[in-house]
PDB file of N, CA and C in Angstrom:
ATOM      1  N   MET A   1       1.103  -1.420  -0.032  1.00  0.00           N
ATOM      2  CA  MET A   1       0.363   0.005   0.187  1.00  0.00           C
ATOM      3  C   MET A   1       1.089   0.810   0.164  1.00  0.00           C
ATOM      4  N   LEU A   2       0.392   2.021  -0.360  1.00  0.00           N
ATOM      5  CA  LEU A   2       1.751   3.398  -0.983  1.00  0.00           C
ATOM      6  C   LEU A   2       0.863   4.293  -0.358  1.00  0.00           C
ATOM      7  N   LYS A   3       1.932   4.586   1.162  1.00  0.00           N
ATOM      8  CA  LYS A   3       1.331   5.460   1.284  1.00  0.00           C
ATOM      9  C   LYS A   3       1.856   7.644   1.117  1.00  0.00           C
ATOM     10  N   LYS A   4       0.910   8.393   1.537  1.00  0.00           N
ATOM     11  CA  LYS A   4       1.378   9.965   0.494  1.00  0.00           C
ATOM     12  C   LYS A   4       2.337  10.121   1.745  1.00  0.00           C
ATOM     13  N   PRO A   5       3.505  10.663   1.291  1.00  0.00           N
ATOM     14  CA  PRO A   5       4.256  11.108   2.016  1.00  0.00           C
ATOM     15  C   PRO A   5       4.574  12.100   3.121  1.00  0.00           C
ATOM     16  N   THR A   6       5.394  12.310   4.270  1.00  0.00           N
ATOM     17  CA  THR A   6       4.889  13.254   5.324  1.00  0.00           C
ATOM     18  C   THR A   6       5.728  14.912   4.968  1.00  0.00           C
ATOM     19  N   PRO A   7       5.196  15.555   4.973  1.00  0.00           N
ATOM     20  CA  PRO A   7       6.338  16.773   4.349  1.00  0.00           C
ATOM     21  C   PRO A   7       7.928  16.847   5.682  1.00  0.00           C
ATOM     22  N   ALA A   8       8.683  17.493   5.101  1.00  0.00           N
ATOM     23  CA  ALA A   8       9.482  17.181   6.271  1.00  0.00           C
ATOM     24  C   ALA A   8       8.676  18.925   6.902  1.00  0.00           C
ATOM     25  N   THR A   9       9.357  18.846   8.595  1.00  0.00           N
ATOM     26  CA  THR A   9       9.046  19.742   8.935  1.00  0.00           C
ATOM     27  C   THR A   9      10.874  20.249   9.603  1.00  0.00           C
ATOM     28  N   PRO A  10      10.609  21.444  10.189  1.00  0.00           N
ATOM     29  CA  PRO A  10      11.690  22.404  10.439  1.00  0.00           C
ATOM     30  C   PRO A  10      12.740  21.167  11.534  1.00  0.00           C
ATOM     31  N   GLU A  11      12.268  20.346  12.645  1.00  0.00           N
ATOM     32  CA  GLU A  11      12.729  19.545  13.107  1.00  0.00           C
ATOM     33  C   GLU A  11      13.360  18.625  12.656  1.00  0.00           C
ATOM     34  N   LYS A  12      13.379  18.604  11.575  1.00  0.00           N
ATOM     35  CA  LYS A  12      13.428  17.095  11.113  1.00  0.00           C
ATOM     36  C   LYS A  12      14.519  17.304   9.808  1.00  0.00           C
ATOM     37  N   ILE A  13      14.800  18.813  10.002  1.00  0.00           N
ATOM     38  CA  ILE A  13      15.942  19.112   8.634  1.00  0.00           C
ATOM     39  C   ILE A  13      17.000  19.416   9.442  1.00  0.00           C
ATOM     40  N   GLU A  14      18.868  19.303   8.886  1.00  0.00           N
ATOM     41  CA  GLU A  14      19.617  18.895  10.061  1.00  0.00           C
ATOM     42  C   GLU A  14      20.197  19.602   9.086  1.00  0.00           C
ATOM     43  N   GLN A  15      21.655  20.676   8.972  1.00  0.00           N
ATOM     44  CA  GLN A  15      22.318  21.484   7.908  1.00  0.00           C
ATOM     45  C   GLN A  15      24.063  20.701   8.643  1.00  0.00           C
ATOM     46  N   ILE A  16      24.524  20.320   7.107  1.00  0.00           N
ATOM     47  CA  ILE A  16      25.674  19.864   8.221  1.00  0.00           C
ATOM     48  C   ILE A  16      26.533  20.653   7.375  1.00  0.00           C
ATOM     49  N   SER A  17      27.582  20.637   7.754  1.00  0.00           N
ATOM     50  CA  SER A  17      28.548  21.347   7.294  1.00  0.00           C
ATOM     51  C   SER A  17      30.197  19.936   7.137  1.00  0.00           C
ATOM     52  N   LEU A  18      30.243  19.280   5.345  1.00  0.00           N
ATOM     53  CA  LEU A  18      31.646  19.186   5.797  1.00  0.00           C
ATOM     54  C   LEU A  18      32.814  19.205   5.420  1.00  0.00           C
ATOM     55  N   ASP A  19      33.544  20.570   5.737  1.00  0.00           N
ATOM     56  CA  ASP A  19      34.839  21.209   6.029  1.00  0.00           C
ATOM     57  C   ASP A  19      34.446  21.066   7.441  1.00  0.00           C
ATOM     58  N   ALA A  20      33.476  20.963   8.481  1.00  0.00           N
ATOM     59  CA  ALA A  20      33.628  20.850   9.804  1.00  0.00           C
ATOM     60  C   ALA A  20      33.859  19.142  10.242  1.00  0.00           C
ATOM     61  N   LEU A  21      33.373  18.739   9.615  1.00  0.00           N
ATOM     62  CA  LEU A  21      33.132  16.720   9.678  1.00  0.00           C
ATOM     63  C   LEU A  21      34.260  16.508   9.233  1.00  0.00           C
ATOM     64  N   VAL A  22      35.268  16.546   8.019  1.00  0.00           N
ATOM     65  CA  VAL A  22      36.581  16.847   7.714  1.00  0.00           C
ATOM     66  C   VAL A  22      37.754  17.108   8.660  1.00  0.00           C
ATOM     67  N   PRO A  23      38.558  16.934   9.537  1.00  0.00           N
ATOM     68  CA  PRO A  23      39.500  17.147   9.673  1.00  0.00           C
ATOM     69  C   PRO A  23      40.842  17.422   9.268  1.00  0.00           C
ATOM     70  N   GLN A  24      41.057  18.968   9.329  1.00  0.00           N
ATOM     71  CA  GLN A  24      42.287  19.849   8.795  1.00  0.00           C
ATOM     72  C   GLN A  24      43.670  18.953   8.150  1.00  0.00           C
ATOM     73  N   ASN A  25      43.995  17.841   9.356  1.00  0.00           N
ATOM     74  CA  ASN A  25      45.104  17.013   8.849  1.00  0.00           C
ATOM     75  C   ASN A  25      44.691  16.064   7.445  1.00  0.00           C
ATOM     76  N   HIS A  26      43.442  15.155   7.315  1.00  0.00           N
ATOM     77  CA  HIS A  26      42.973  14.474   6.685  1.00  0.00           C
ATOM     78  C   HIS A  26      43.688  14.130   5.353  1.00  0.00           C
ATOM     79  N   LEU A  27      43.749  13.343   4.668  1.00  0.00           N
ATOM     80  CA  LEU A  27      44.853  12.819   3.376  1.00  0.00           C
ATOM     81  C   LEU A  27      43.820  14.108   2.292  1.00  0.00           C
ATOM     82  N   VAL A  28      42.691  13.781   2.413  1.00  0.00           N
ATOM     83  CA  VAL A  28      41.975  14.090   1.035  1.00  0.00           C
ATOM     84  C   VAL A  28      42.378  15.423   1.385  1.00  0.00           C
ATOM     85  N   ARG A  29      42.030  16.425   2.779  1.00  0.00           N
ATOM     86  CA  ARG A  29      42.137  17.691   2.410  1.00  0.00           C
ATOM     87  C   ARG A  29      44.341  17.983   1.891  1.00  0.00           C
ATOM     88  N   LYS A  30      45.068  17.618   2.493  1.00  0.00           N
ATOM     89  CA  LYS A  30      46.328  17.510   1.898  1.00  0.00           C
ATOM     90  C   LYS A  30      46.539  17.526   0.429  1.00  0.00           C
ATOM     91  N   ILE A  31      45.458  15.877  -0.281  1.00  0.00           N
ATOM     92  CA  ILE A  31      45.916  15.894  -1.987  1.00  0.00           C
ATOM     93  C   ILE A  31      45.367  17.117  -2.682  1.00  0.00           C
ATOM     94  N   ALA A  32      44.514  17.455  -1.612  1.00  0.00           N
ATOM     95  CA  ALA A  32      43.122  19.167  -2.470  1.00  0.00           C
ATOM     96  C   ALA A  32      44.514  19.960  -2.621  1.00  0.00           C
ATOM     97  N   LYS A  33      45.345  20.306  -1.168  1.00  0.00           N
ATOM     98  CA  LYS A  33      46.023  21.515  -1.581  1.00  0.00           C
ATOM     99  C   LYS A  33      47.475  21.318  -2.671  1.00  0.00           C
ATOM    100  N   VAL A  34      48.041  20.107  -2.722  1.00  0.00           N
ATOM    101  CA  VAL A  34      49.014  19.552  -3.146  1.00  0.00           C
ATOM    102  C   VAL A  34      48.549  20.041  -4.921  1.00  0.00           C
ATOM    103  N   ILE A  35      47.416  19.106  -5.391  1.00  0.00           N
ATOM    104  CA  ILE A  35      46.919  18.413  -6.388  1.00  0.00           C
ATOM    105  C   ILE A  35      46.264  19.194  -7.114  1.00  0.00           C
ATOM    106  N   ASP A  36      46.351  19.545  -8.499  1.00  0.00           N
ATOM    107  CA  ASP A  36      45.502  20.429  -8.997  1.00  0.00           C
ATOM    108  C   ASP A  36      44.948  19.573 -10.113  1.00  0.00           C
ATOM    109  N   PHE A  37      43.565  19.397 -10.212  1.00  0.00           N
ATOM    110  CA  PHE A  37      43.238  18.309 -10.745  1.00  0.00           C
ATOM    111  C   PHE A  37      42.965  18.589 -12.518  1.00  0.00           C
ATOM    112  N   GLU A  38      42.858  20.072 -12.381  1.00  0.00           N
ATOM    113  CA  GLU A  38      42.159  21.033 -13.658  1.00  0.00           C
ATOM    114  C   GLU A  38      43.537  20.434 -14.591  1.00  0.00           C
ATOM    115  N   PHE A  39      43.818  19.694 -14.695  1.00  0.00           N
ATOM    116  CA  PHE A  39      45.144  18.710 -16.399  1.00  0.00           C
ATOM    117  C   PHE A  39      44.588  17.488 -16.504  1.00  0.00           C
ATOM    118  N   ILE A  40      43.232  17.029 -15.626  1.00  0.00           N
ATOM    119  CA  ILE A  40      42.293  15.884 -16.802  1.00  0.00           C
ATOM    120  C   ILE A  40      41.246  16.417 -16.901  1.00  0.00           C
ATOM    121  N   ARG A  41      41.107  17.813 -16.965  1.00  0.00           N
ATOM    122  CA  ARG A  41      39.449  17.775 -18.032  1.00  0.00           C
ATOM    123  C   ARG A  41      40.552  18.279 -18.744  1.00  0.00           C
ATOM    124  N   GLU A  42      41.554  19.206 -18.732  1.00  0.00           N
ATOM    125  CA  GLU A  42      42.370  19.514 -20.095  1.00  0.00           C
ATOM    126  C   GLU A  42      42.589  18.659 -20.930  1.00  0.00           C
ATOM    127  N   ALA A  43      43.031  17.185 -20.592  1.00  0.00           N
ATOM    128  CA  ALA A  43      43.121  16.157 -21.085  1.00  0.00           C
ATOM    129  C   ALA A  43      42.319  15.675 -21.654  1.00  0.00           C
ATOM    130  N   VAL A  44      41.259  15.316 -21.371  1.00  0.00           N
ATOM    131  CA  VAL A  44      40.099  15.074 -21.907  1.00  0.00           C
ATOM    132  C   VAL A  44      38.912  15.276 -22.587  1.00  0.00           C
ATOM    133  N   ALA A  45      39.545  17.022 -22.794  1.00  0.00           N
ATOM    134  CA  ALA A  45      38.479  17.567 -23.590  1.00  0.00           C
ATOM    135  C   ALA A  45      37.727  17.228 -24.735  1.00  0.00           C
ATOM    136  N   PRO A  46      39.554  16.977 -25.577  1.00  0.00           N
ATOM    137  CA  PRO A  46      38.825  16.473 -27.641  1.00  0.00           C
ATOM    138  C   PRO A  46      38.242  15.398 -27.378  1.00  0.00           C
ATOM    139  N   LEU A  47      37.827  14.485 -26.204  1.00  0.00           N
ATOM    140  CA  LEU A  47      37.378  13.331 -26.464  1.00  0.00           C
ATOM    141  C   LEU A  47      36.197  13.372 -25.741  1.00  0.00           C
ATOM    142  N   TYR A  48      35.030  14.669 -26.284  1.00  0.00           N
ATOM    143  CA  TYR A  48      33.671  15.254 -25.884  1.00  0.00           C
ATOM    144  C   TYR A  48      33.532  15.621 -26.618  1.00  0.00           C
ATOM    145  N   CYS A  49      32.244  15.813 -27.596  1.00  0.00           N
ATOM    146  CA  CYS A  49      31.829  16.903 -27.843  1.00  0.00           C
ATOM    147  C   CYS A  49      30.956  18.058 -27.195  1.00  0.00           C
ATOM    148  N   PRO A  50      31.421  19.066 -28.172  1.00  0.00           N
ATOM    149  CA  PRO A  50      30.706  20.281 -27.573  1.00  0.00           C
ATOM    150  C   PRO A  50      29.464  20.280 -27.604  1.00  0.00           C
ATOM    151  N   ASN A  51      28.976  19.925 -28.745  1.00  0.00           N
ATOM    152  CA  ASN A  51      27.068  20.060 -28.876  1.00  0.00           C
ATOM    153  C   ASN A  51      26.502  19.124 -29.403  1.00  0.00           C
ATOM    154  N   ASN A  52      26.653  17.961 -28.871  1.00  0.00           N
ATOM    155  CA  ASN A  52      25.423  16.863 -28.188  1.00  0.00           C
ATOM    156  C   ASN A  52      25.471  16.068 -28.291  1.00  0.00           C
ATOM    157  N   GLY A  53      24.527  15.401 -27.912  1.00  0.00           N
ATOM    158  CA  GLY A  53      24.365  13.952 -26.673  1.00  0.00           C
ATOM    159  C   GLY A  53      24.098  14.694 -25.607  1.00  0.00           C
ATOM    160  N   ARG A  54      24.147  13.983 -24.198  1.00  0.00           N
ATOM    161  CA  ARG A  54      23.925  14.043 -22.634  1.00  0.00           C
ATOM    162  C   ARG A  54      24.875  14.521 -22.420  1.00  0.00           C
ATOM    163  N   PRO A  55      25.098  15.678 -21.628  1.00  0.00           N
ATOM    164  CA  PRO A  55      25.706  16.203 -20.115  1.00  0.00           C
ATOM    165  C   PRO A  55      27.123  15.275 -20.029  1.00  0.00           C
ATOM    166  N   ALA A  56      27.631  15.572 -19.518  1.00  0.00           N
ATOM    167  CA  ALA A  56      28.794  14.341 -19.109  1.00  0.00           C
ATOM    168  C   ALA A  56      29.011  14.910 -17.831  1.00  0.00           C
ATOM    169  N   GLU A  57      29.133  13.621 -17.413  1.00  0.00           N
ATOM    170  CA  GLU A  57      29.741  13.718 -15.895  1.00  0.00           C
ATOM    171  C   GLU A  57      31.166  14.505 -15.805  1.00  0.00           C
ATOM    172  N   ASP A  58      31.426  15.520 -14.679  1.00  0.00           N
ATOM    173  CA  ASP A  58      32.643  16.061 -14.585  1.00  0.00           C
ATOM    174  C   ASP A  58      34.105  15.436 -14.519  1.00  0.00           C
ATOM    175  N   PRO A  59      34.689  15.144 -15.790  1.00  0.00           N
ATOM    176  CA  PRO A  59      35.494  14.115 -15.395  1.00  0.00           C
ATOM    177  C   PRO A  59      36.885  14.258 -14.557  1.00  0.00           C
ATOM    178  N   VAL A  60      36.445  15.232 -13.711  1.00  0.00           N
ATOM    179  CA  VAL A  60      37.615  15.839 -12.748  1.00  0.00           C
ATOM    180  C   VAL A  60      37.019  14.707 -10.959  1.00  0.00           C
ATOM    181  N   ARG A  61      36.007  14.801 -11.313  1.00  0.00           N
ATOM    182  CA  ARG A  61      35.223  13.984 -10.033  1.00  0.00           C
ATOM    183  C   ARG A  61      35.380  12.347 -10.598  1.00  0.00           C
ATOM    184  N   LEU A  62      35.555  11.708 -11.540  1.00  0.00           N
ATOM    185  CA  LEU A  62      35.312  10.654 -11.715  1.00  0.00           C
ATOM    186  C   LEU A  62      36.755  10.023 -11.307  1.00  0.00           C
ATOM    187  N   PHE A  63      37.713  11.139 -11.554  1.00  0.00           N
ATOM    188  CA  PHE A  63      39.192  10.610 -10.847  1.00  0.00           C
ATOM    189  C   PHE A  63      39.225  10.531  -9.531  1.00  0.00           C
ATOM    190  N   LYS A  64      38.429  11.880  -9.163  1.00  0.00           N
ATOM    191  CA  LYS A  64      39.010  11.997  -7.526  1.00  0.00           C
ATOM    192  C   LYS A  64      38.411  10.428  -7.071  1.00  0.00           C
ATOM    193  N   ILE A  65      37.072  10.305  -7.452  1.00  0.00           N
ATOM    194  CA  ILE A  65      36.214   8.927  -6.826  1.00  0.00           C
ATOM    195  C   ILE A  65      37.209   8.076  -6.687  1.00  0.00           C
ATOM    196  N   MET A  66      37.394   7.277  -8.283  1.00  0.00           N
ATOM    197  CA  MET A  66      38.261   6.304  -8.131  1.00  0.00           C
ATOM    198  C   MET A  66      39.436   6.552  -7.542  1.00  0.00           C
ATOM    199  N   LEU A  67      40.356   7.912  -7.586  1.00  0.00           N
ATOM    200  CA  LEU A  67      41.438   7.899  -6.053  1.00  0.00           C
ATOM    201  C   LEU A  67      40.860   7.366  -4.862  1.00  0.00           C
ATOM    202  N   LEU A  68      40.086   8.203  -4.863  1.00  0.00           N
ATOM    203  CA  LEU A  68      39.216   8.031  -2.742  1.00  0.00           C
ATOM    204  C   LEU A  68      39.088   6.316  -3.086  1.00  0.00           C
ATOM    205  N   GLY A  69      38.523   5.323  -3.753  1.00  0.00           N
ATOM    206  CA  GLY A  69      38.426   4.304  -3.834  1.00  0.00           C
ATOM    207  C   GLY A  69      40.054   3.749  -3.829  1.00  0.00           C
ATOM    208  N   TYR A  70      41.144   3.753  -3.947  1.00  0.00           N
ATOM    209  CA  TYR A  70      41.904   2.970  -4.378  1.00  0.00           C
ATOM    210  C   TYR A  70      42.735   3.084  -2.764  1.00  0.00           C
ATOM    211  N   LEU A  71      42.704   4.666  -2.667  1.00  0.00           N
ATOM    212  CA  LEU A  71      43.449   4.714  -1.178  1.00  0.00           C
ATOM    213  C   LEU A  71      42.529   4.423  -0.071  1.00  0.00           C
ATOM    214  N   PHE A  72      41.184   4.391  -0.239  1.00  0.00           N
ATOM    215  CA  PHE A  72      41.014   4.135   1.114  1.00  0.00           C
ATOM    216  C   PHE A  72      40.161   2.100   1.106  1.00  0.00           C
ATOM    217  N   GLY A  73      40.474   1.876  -0.593  1.00  0.00           N
ATOM    218  CA  GLY A  73      40.250  -0.097  -0.489  1.00  0.00           C
ATOM    219  C   GLY A  73      39.082   0.223  -0.416  1.00  0.00           C
ATOM    220  N   ILE A  74      37.994   0.679  -1.052  1.00  0.00           N
ATOM    221  CA  ILE A  74      36.959   1.168  -1.374  1.00  0.00           C
ATOM    222  C   ILE A  74      36.865   0.311  -2.342  1.00  0.00           C
ATOM    223  N   LEU A  75      36.077  -1.095  -2.931  1.00  0.00           N
ATOM    224  CA  LEU A  75      36.329  -2.355  -3.750  1.00  0.00           C
ATOM    225  C   LEU A  75      35.721  -1.854  -5.073  1.00  0.00           C
ATOM    226  N   SER A  76      33.805  -1.203  -4.842  1.00  0.00           N
ATOM    227  CA  SER A  76      32.892  -1.000  -5.065  1.00  0.00           C
ATOM    228  C   SER A  76      32.493   0.487  -6.037  1.00  0.00           C
TER     229      SER A  76
END
């Protein structure tokens, strides 16, 4: 049986800040300070068609996801 969704009430909404959750000395922050990932976007730009097809996922984001998976042993 389907139920109607209950509207969100202010006490059910919680705002969080990722900056507050990730420690200043975390490996991810250190990598972000040292590496400029813009080279990835420049390297793959010729592989994408600028005027047709679906908008692509950001290649930098995809690379970062793969890098984090490798660094932290995430297999999926």
